[in-house]
Amino acid sequence: MPLDDIAGEALGGVFRFIARLVSEIVVEVILRGTGAMILRRLRPKHEPGETAAALAGLAFWGAVIALVFWAFRMAR
């Protein structure tokens, strides 16, 4: 039915929008924001680039997750 196709397209668009919003929040705020803050502390006279900030943020959050996992394993 045409109504089913329209509803399916609308729901698909809504889910794509929500996924895009969540991915933007994760990448922009959590990864790049954290990385930019770390790089500004390490190099105060240089403005960090987007890629460098994203990689620094990814490394930081990877280290945090690994540390929490290690601490959890050692506590058992």
C-alpha atoms as a PDB file:
ATOM      1  CA  MET A   1       0.000   0.000   0.000  1.00  0.00           C
ATOM      2  CA  PRO A   2       1.194   3.515  -0.645  1.00  0.00           C
ATOM      3  CA  LEU A   3       0.426   4.571   2.937  1.00  0.00           C
ATOM      4  CA  ASP A   4       2.777   1.899   4.275  1.00  0.00           C
ATOM      5  CA  ASP A   5       5.554   3.143   2.007  1.00  0.00           C
ATOM      6  CA  ILE A   6       5.028   6.732   3.146  1.00  0.00           C
ATOM      7  CA  ALA A   7       5.011   5.740   6.832  1.00  0.00           C
ATOM      8  CA  GLY A   8       8.121   3.589   6.327  1.00  0.00           C
ATOM      9  CA  GLU A   9       9.965   6.453   4.628  1.00  0.00           C
ATOM     10  CA  ALA A  10       8.928   8.874   7.373  1.00  0.00           C
ATOM     11  CA  LEU A  11      10.065   6.547  10.154  1.00  0.00           C
ATOM     12  CA  GLY A  12      13.313   5.869   8.315  1.00  0.00           C
ATOM     13  CA  GLY A  13      13.932   9.608   8.059  1.00  0.00           C
ATOM     14  CA  VAL A  14      13.224  10.111  11.761  1.00  0.00           C
ATOM     15  CA  PHE A  15      15.582   7.304  12.755  1.00  0.00           C
ATOM     16  CA  ARG A  16      18.312   8.628  10.430  1.00  0.00           C
ATOM     17  CA  PHE A  17      17.914  12.080  11.997  1.00  0.00           C
ATOM     18  CA  ILE A  18      18.168  10.689  15.540  1.00  0.00           C
ATOM     19  CA  ALA A  19      21.206   8.567  14.636  1.00  0.00           C
ATOM     20  CA  ARG A  20      22.880  11.576  13.019  1.00  0.00           C
ATOM     21  CA  LEU A  21      22.150  13.722  16.071  1.00  0.00           C
ATOM     22  CA  VAL A  22      23.578  11.144  18.466  1.00  0.00           C
ATOM     23  CA  SER A  23      26.673  10.601  16.336  1.00  0.00           C
ATOM     24  CA  GLU A  24      27.274  14.352  16.077  1.00  0.00           C
ATOM     25  CA  ILE A  25      26.993  14.702  19.852  1.00  0.00           C
ATOM     26  CA  VAL A  26      29.397  11.825  20.447  1.00  0.00           C
ATOM     27  CA  VAL A  27      31.982  12.933  17.905  1.00  0.00           C
ATOM     28  CA  GLU A  28      31.773  16.706  18.286  1.00  0.00           C
ATOM     29  CA  VAL A  29      31.230  17.106  22.002  1.00  0.00           C
ATOM     30  CA  ILE A  30      32.738  14.047  23.612  1.00  0.00           C
ATOM     31  CA  LEU A  31      35.671  13.201  21.336  1.00  0.00           C
ATOM     32  CA  ARG A  32      36.681  16.532  19.794  1.00  0.00           C
ATOM     33  CA  GLY A  33      35.749  18.580  22.849  1.00  0.00           C
ATOM     34  CA  THR A  34      37.797  16.453  25.209  1.00  0.00           C
ATOM     35  CA  GLY A  35      40.680  16.241  22.762  1.00  0.00           C
ATOM     36  CA  ALA A  36      40.712  19.997  22.173  1.00  0.00           C
ATOM     37  CA  MET A  37      40.712  20.627  25.919  1.00  0.00           C
ATOM     38  CA  ILE A  38      43.643  18.228  26.417  1.00  0.00           C
ATOM     39  CA  LEU A  39      45.638  19.684  23.526  1.00  0.00           C
ATOM     40  CA  ARG A  40      45.037  23.263  24.723  1.00  0.00           C
ATOM     41  CA  ARG A  41      46.450  22.268  28.124  1.00  0.00           C
ATOM     42  CA  LEU A  42      49.499  20.641  26.529  1.00  0.00           C
ATOM     43  CA  ARG A  43      50.135  23.344  23.887  1.00  0.00           C
ATOM     44  CA  PRO A  44      48.538  26.603  25.067  1.00  0.00           C
ATOM     45  CA  LYS A  45      49.815  28.774  22.190  1.00  0.00           C
ATOM     46  CA  HIS A  46      48.550  26.494  19.406  1.00  0.00           C
ATOM     47  CA  GLU A  47      44.951  26.004  18.339  1.00  0.00           C
ATOM     48  CA  PRO A  48      44.324  22.246  17.923  1.00  0.00           C
ATOM     49  CA  GLY A  49      43.088  20.961  14.589  1.00  0.00           C
ATOM     50  CA  GLU A  50      39.908  18.929  14.293  1.00  0.00           C
ATOM     51  CA  THR A  51      41.668  15.672  13.458  1.00  0.00           C
ATOM     52  CA  ALA A  52      44.245  16.056  16.219  1.00  0.00           C
ATOM     53  CA  ALA A  53      41.519  16.886  18.733  1.00  0.00           C
ATOM     54  CA  ALA A  54      39.430  13.884  17.665  1.00  0.00           C
ATOM     55  CA  LEU A  55      42.413  11.530  17.907  1.00  0.00           C
ATOM     56  CA  ALA A  56      43.447  12.920  21.302  1.00  0.00           C
ATOM     57  CA  GLY A  57      39.888  12.553  22.568  1.00  0.00           C
ATOM     58  CA  LEU A  58      39.656   9.028  21.203  1.00  0.00           C
ATOM     59  CA  ALA A  59      42.957   8.107  22.874  1.00  0.00           C
ATOM     60  CA  PHE A  60      41.827   9.661  26.157  1.00  0.00           C
ATOM     61  CA  TRP A  61      38.475   7.866  26.235  1.00  0.00           C
ATOM     62  CA  GLY A  62      40.120   4.622  25.154  1.00  0.00           C
ATOM     63  CA  ALA A  63      42.556   4.939  28.041  1.00  0.00           C
ATOM     64  CA  VAL A  64      39.732   5.716  30.480  1.00  0.00           C
ATOM     65  CA  ILE A  65      37.752   2.672  29.351  1.00  0.00           C
ATOM     66  CA  ALA A  66      40.848   0.457  29.558  1.00  0.00           C
ATOM     67  CA  LEU A  67      41.668   1.793  33.049  1.00  0.00           C
ATOM     68  CA  VAL A  68      38.126   1.201  34.302  1.00  0.00           C
ATOM     69  CA  PHE A  69      38.145  -2.290  32.816  1.00  0.00           C
ATOM     70  CA  TRP A  70      41.540  -3.029  34.390  1.00  0.00           C
ATOM     71  CA  ALA A  71      40.413  -1.694  37.793  1.00  0.00           C
ATOM     72  CA  PHE A  72      37.256  -3.767  37.628  1.00  0.00           C
ATOM     73  CA  ARG A  73      39.246  -6.904  36.797  1.00  0.00           C
ATOM     74  CA  MET A  74      41.736  -6.255  39.618  1.00  0.00           C
ATOM     75  CA  ALA A  75      38.952  -5.715  42.158  1.00  0.00           C
ATOM     76  CA  ARG A  76      37.537  -9.178  41.537  1.00  0.00           C
END
